N, C-alpha and C. Protein backbone atom coordinates (compact mmCIF):
# COMPACT_ATOMS: atom_id res chain seq x y z
N MET A 1 -6.47 -25.24 -7.28
CA MET A 1 -5.58 -24.17 -7.71
C MET A 1 -6.07 -22.85 -7.13
N HIS A 2 -5.15 -21.99 -6.73
CA HIS A 2 -5.48 -20.70 -6.15
C HIS A 2 -5.43 -19.62 -7.22
N ASN A 3 -6.37 -18.69 -7.16
CA ASN A 3 -6.45 -17.61 -8.14
C ASN A 3 -5.88 -16.33 -7.57
N PRO A 4 -5.03 -15.62 -8.33
CA PRO A 4 -4.53 -14.33 -7.86
C PRO A 4 -5.64 -13.28 -7.93
N VAL A 5 -5.75 -12.47 -6.87
CA VAL A 5 -6.77 -11.42 -6.84
C VAL A 5 -6.17 -10.04 -6.62
N GLY A 6 -4.85 -9.97 -6.43
CA GLY A 6 -4.21 -8.67 -6.24
C GLY A 6 -2.77 -8.82 -5.80
N ILE A 7 -2.18 -7.66 -5.47
CA ILE A 7 -0.83 -7.64 -4.92
C ILE A 7 -0.82 -6.74 -3.69
N PHE A 8 0.13 -6.99 -2.80
CA PHE A 8 0.26 -6.22 -1.57
C PHE A 8 1.72 -5.83 -1.40
N ALA A 9 1.99 -4.52 -1.41
CA ALA A 9 3.34 -4.00 -1.20
C ALA A 9 3.51 -3.68 0.28
N VAL A 10 4.42 -4.38 0.95
CA VAL A 10 4.62 -4.23 2.39
C VAL A 10 5.57 -3.06 2.65
N GLU A 11 5.09 -2.12 3.47
CA GLU A 11 5.90 -0.95 3.82
C GLU A 11 6.38 -0.98 5.26
N ASP A 12 5.66 -1.67 6.13
CA ASP A 12 6.01 -1.71 7.54
C ASP A 12 5.35 -2.92 8.18
N ALA A 13 5.73 -3.23 9.40
CA ALA A 13 5.13 -4.33 10.15
C ALA A 13 5.26 -4.04 11.63
N PHE A 14 4.29 -4.52 12.38
CA PHE A 14 4.38 -4.42 13.84
C PHE A 14 3.66 -5.60 14.46
N HIS A 15 3.99 -5.87 15.71
CA HIS A 15 3.44 -7.03 16.41
C HIS A 15 2.47 -6.56 17.48
N LEU A 16 1.28 -7.16 17.51
CA LEU A 16 0.28 -6.89 18.54
C LEU A 16 0.25 -8.08 19.50
N THR A 17 0.48 -7.80 20.77
CA THR A 17 0.45 -8.87 21.77
C THR A 17 -0.88 -9.60 21.73
N ARG A 18 -0.83 -10.89 21.73
CA ARG A 18 -1.98 -11.81 21.70
C ARG A 18 -2.75 -11.82 20.37
N ARG A 19 -2.32 -11.04 19.38
CA ARG A 19 -3.00 -11.05 18.08
C ARG A 19 -2.08 -11.48 16.97
N GLY A 20 -0.85 -11.04 17.01
CA GLY A 20 0.10 -11.43 15.98
C GLY A 20 0.63 -10.25 15.18
N TRP A 21 1.13 -10.57 14.00
CA TRP A 21 1.77 -9.58 13.14
C TRP A 21 0.77 -8.86 12.25
N VAL A 22 0.98 -7.56 12.10
CA VAL A 22 0.22 -6.74 11.16
C VAL A 22 1.21 -6.24 10.12
N LEU A 23 0.93 -6.52 8.86
CA LEU A 23 1.72 -5.98 7.76
C LEU A 23 0.98 -4.76 7.23
N VAL A 24 1.69 -3.66 7.03
CA VAL A 24 1.09 -2.40 6.58
C VAL A 24 1.61 -2.08 5.19
N GLY A 25 0.70 -1.68 4.31
CA GLY A 25 1.13 -1.32 2.96
C GLY A 25 -0.03 -0.96 2.07
N GLU A 26 0.17 -1.16 0.78
CA GLU A 26 -0.83 -0.80 -0.22
C GLU A 26 -1.28 -2.04 -0.99
N VAL A 27 -2.60 -2.12 -1.16
CA VAL A 27 -3.22 -3.22 -1.90
C VAL A 27 -3.60 -2.73 -3.29
N THR A 28 -3.25 -3.50 -4.30
CA THR A 28 -3.76 -3.29 -5.65
C THR A 28 -4.61 -4.52 -5.95
N GLY A 29 -5.89 -4.31 -6.24
CA GLY A 29 -6.82 -5.43 -6.39
C GLY A 29 -7.67 -5.51 -5.15
N GLN A 30 -7.87 -6.73 -4.65
CA GLN A 30 -8.68 -6.88 -3.44
C GLN A 30 -8.04 -7.88 -2.50
N VAL A 31 -8.42 -7.76 -1.22
CA VAL A 31 -7.94 -8.69 -0.20
C VAL A 31 -9.05 -8.90 0.82
N ASP A 32 -9.22 -10.13 1.24
CA ASP A 32 -10.24 -10.50 2.22
C ASP A 32 -9.63 -11.47 3.23
N PRO A 33 -10.20 -11.55 4.44
CA PRO A 33 -9.76 -12.58 5.37
C PRO A 33 -9.86 -13.96 4.71
N GLY A 34 -8.86 -14.78 4.95
CA GLY A 34 -8.81 -16.11 4.33
C GLY A 34 -7.94 -16.16 3.09
N ASN A 35 -7.64 -14.98 2.48
CA ASN A 35 -6.73 -14.95 1.35
C ASN A 35 -5.32 -15.27 1.82
N TRP A 36 -4.48 -15.67 0.88
CA TRP A 36 -3.08 -15.97 1.18
C TRP A 36 -2.20 -14.87 0.61
N LEU A 37 -1.15 -14.53 1.34
CA LEU A 37 -0.09 -13.66 0.83
C LEU A 37 1.08 -14.57 0.48
N VAL A 38 1.49 -14.55 -0.77
CA VAL A 38 2.58 -15.42 -1.22
C VAL A 38 3.76 -14.54 -1.61
N PHE A 39 4.84 -14.68 -0.84
CA PHE A 39 6.08 -13.97 -1.09
C PHE A 39 7.07 -14.95 -1.69
N GLU A 40 8.04 -14.43 -2.42
CA GLU A 40 9.14 -15.27 -2.91
C GLU A 40 10.30 -15.08 -1.97
N PRO A 41 11.08 -16.03 -1.65
CA PRO A 41 10.88 -17.43 -1.98
C PRO A 41 10.14 -18.17 -0.87
N GLU A 42 9.06 -18.75 -1.19
CA GLU A 42 8.34 -19.72 -0.37
C GLU A 42 7.90 -19.27 1.02
N VAL A 43 7.48 -18.02 1.16
CA VAL A 43 6.87 -17.57 2.40
C VAL A 43 5.39 -17.32 2.10
N THR A 44 4.52 -18.03 2.80
CA THR A 44 3.08 -17.90 2.60
C THR A 44 2.41 -17.63 3.94
N LEU A 45 1.57 -16.59 3.99
CA LEU A 45 0.85 -16.22 5.20
C LEU A 45 -0.63 -16.13 4.89
N VAL A 46 -1.47 -16.45 5.86
CA VAL A 46 -2.91 -16.35 5.70
C VAL A 46 -3.39 -15.05 6.35
N VAL A 47 -4.19 -14.29 5.62
CA VAL A 47 -4.77 -13.04 6.15
C VAL A 47 -5.93 -13.40 7.07
N THR A 48 -5.87 -12.94 8.33
CA THR A 48 -6.96 -13.22 9.26
C THR A 48 -7.86 -12.02 9.48
N SER A 49 -7.36 -10.80 9.18
CA SER A 49 -8.17 -9.60 9.35
C SER A 49 -7.61 -8.50 8.45
N VAL A 50 -8.51 -7.65 7.94
CA VAL A 50 -8.12 -6.52 7.09
C VAL A 50 -8.57 -5.24 7.79
N GLU A 51 -7.63 -4.32 8.00
CA GLU A 51 -7.93 -3.07 8.71
C GLU A 51 -7.50 -1.88 7.86
N ALA A 52 -8.32 -0.83 7.87
CA ALA A 52 -7.96 0.43 7.21
C ALA A 52 -7.18 1.27 8.21
N ILE A 53 -6.09 1.86 7.75
CA ILE A 53 -5.26 2.71 8.59
C ILE A 53 -5.22 4.09 7.94
N ASN A 54 -5.60 5.11 8.71
CA ASN A 54 -5.57 6.48 8.22
C ASN A 54 -4.79 7.30 9.23
N LYS A 55 -3.52 7.53 8.92
CA LYS A 55 -2.66 8.26 9.83
C LYS A 55 -2.17 9.52 9.14
N GLN A 56 -2.53 10.66 9.70
CA GLN A 56 -2.15 11.97 9.16
C GLN A 56 -2.53 12.10 7.69
N GLY A 57 -3.74 11.66 7.35
CA GLY A 57 -4.25 11.80 6.00
C GLY A 57 -3.71 10.80 4.99
N VAL A 58 -2.88 9.88 5.44
CA VAL A 58 -2.32 8.86 4.55
C VAL A 58 -3.08 7.56 4.77
N HIS A 59 -3.64 7.01 3.71
CA HIS A 59 -4.44 5.79 3.79
C HIS A 59 -3.59 4.57 3.45
N LYS A 60 -3.57 3.62 4.37
CA LYS A 60 -2.85 2.36 4.17
C LYS A 60 -3.75 1.22 4.59
N THR A 61 -3.35 0.02 4.27
CA THR A 61 -4.09 -1.18 4.68
C THR A 61 -3.22 -1.99 5.62
N GLY A 62 -3.82 -2.43 6.73
CA GLY A 62 -3.14 -3.31 7.67
C GLY A 62 -3.71 -4.70 7.55
N LEU A 63 -2.86 -5.68 7.37
CA LEU A 63 -3.30 -7.07 7.27
C LEU A 63 -2.75 -7.86 8.45
N LEU A 64 -3.66 -8.32 9.31
CA LEU A 64 -3.27 -9.21 10.40
C LEU A 64 -3.10 -10.59 9.77
N VAL A 65 -1.93 -11.19 10.00
CA VAL A 65 -1.64 -12.47 9.36
C VAL A 65 -1.65 -13.59 10.38
N SER A 66 -1.78 -14.81 9.87
CA SER A 66 -1.86 -16.01 10.69
C SER A 66 -0.72 -16.08 11.69
N PRO A 67 -0.96 -16.76 12.80
CA PRO A 67 0.10 -16.89 13.80
C PRO A 67 1.20 -17.86 13.37
N HIS A 68 1.36 -18.02 12.07
CA HIS A 68 2.43 -18.85 11.51
C HIS A 68 3.79 -18.43 12.07
N LEU A 69 3.96 -17.13 12.25
CA LEU A 69 5.20 -16.61 12.81
C LEU A 69 4.98 -16.45 14.31
N ALA A 70 5.25 -17.51 15.05
CA ALA A 70 4.89 -17.57 16.46
C ALA A 70 5.60 -16.52 17.30
N SER A 71 6.83 -16.25 17.01
CA SER A 71 7.59 -15.31 17.82
C SER A 71 7.57 -13.93 17.19
N ARG A 72 7.53 -12.90 18.00
CA ARG A 72 7.54 -11.55 17.47
C ARG A 72 8.87 -11.22 16.80
N TYR A 73 9.87 -12.08 16.96
CA TYR A 73 11.18 -11.83 16.37
C TYR A 73 11.38 -12.55 15.05
N GLU A 74 10.45 -13.36 14.62
CA GLU A 74 10.63 -14.14 13.40
C GLU A 74 10.35 -13.35 12.12
N LEU A 75 9.39 -12.43 12.13
CA LEU A 75 9.04 -11.71 10.90
C LEU A 75 10.19 -10.89 10.34
N PRO A 76 10.93 -10.12 11.16
CA PRO A 76 12.03 -9.34 10.58
C PRO A 76 13.05 -10.22 9.85
N GLY A 77 13.24 -11.44 10.30
CA GLY A 77 14.16 -12.35 9.64
C GLY A 77 13.69 -12.79 8.27
N GLN A 78 12.41 -12.65 7.99
CA GLN A 78 11.87 -13.03 6.68
C GLN A 78 12.08 -11.94 5.63
N GLN A 79 12.47 -10.74 6.05
CA GLN A 79 12.73 -9.62 5.15
C GLN A 79 11.55 -9.33 4.23
N LEU A 80 10.35 -9.23 4.81
CA LEU A 80 9.15 -8.97 4.02
C LEU A 80 8.94 -7.48 3.76
N ILE A 81 9.45 -6.62 4.64
CA ILE A 81 9.27 -5.18 4.46
C ILE A 81 10.03 -4.75 3.21
N GLY A 82 9.32 -4.05 2.34
CA GLY A 82 9.91 -3.63 1.07
C GLY A 82 9.64 -4.61 -0.06
N ASN A 83 9.03 -5.73 0.25
CA ASN A 83 8.70 -6.73 -0.77
C ASN A 83 7.22 -6.70 -1.13
N THR A 84 6.88 -7.37 -2.20
CA THR A 84 5.50 -7.43 -2.68
C THR A 84 5.04 -8.88 -2.69
N ALA A 85 3.80 -9.08 -2.23
CA ALA A 85 3.21 -10.42 -2.21
C ALA A 85 2.08 -10.51 -3.21
N GLN A 86 1.90 -11.69 -3.78
CA GLN A 86 0.70 -11.99 -4.56
C GLN A 86 -0.40 -12.31 -3.56
N ILE A 87 -1.58 -11.75 -3.76
CA ILE A 87 -2.74 -12.09 -2.94
C ILE A 87 -3.49 -13.18 -3.69
N MET A 88 -3.65 -14.33 -3.03
CA MET A 88 -4.30 -15.48 -3.67
C MET A 88 -5.58 -15.84 -2.94
N ARG A 89 -6.58 -16.26 -3.70
CA ARG A 89 -7.85 -16.72 -3.13
C ARG A 89 -7.91 -18.22 -3.24
């Protein structure tokens, strides 16, 4: 069984060539590489890297997610921006 360790509110996303998708937003709780992001309905991504983003004095968290979404065009179809995920360990 997986334990919830936080929530992640997705505000934006972008694709890095050869690395994959980065979801940008705010974390409540904690997040580490290897944690899962669980969105409703039934979208689950694995966090591969956690990055701090500080742009114009605004602090956000960037989560590089598993290459589950192989194409750079697949993430927008999932409508994750504006949604909140449970962070599971």
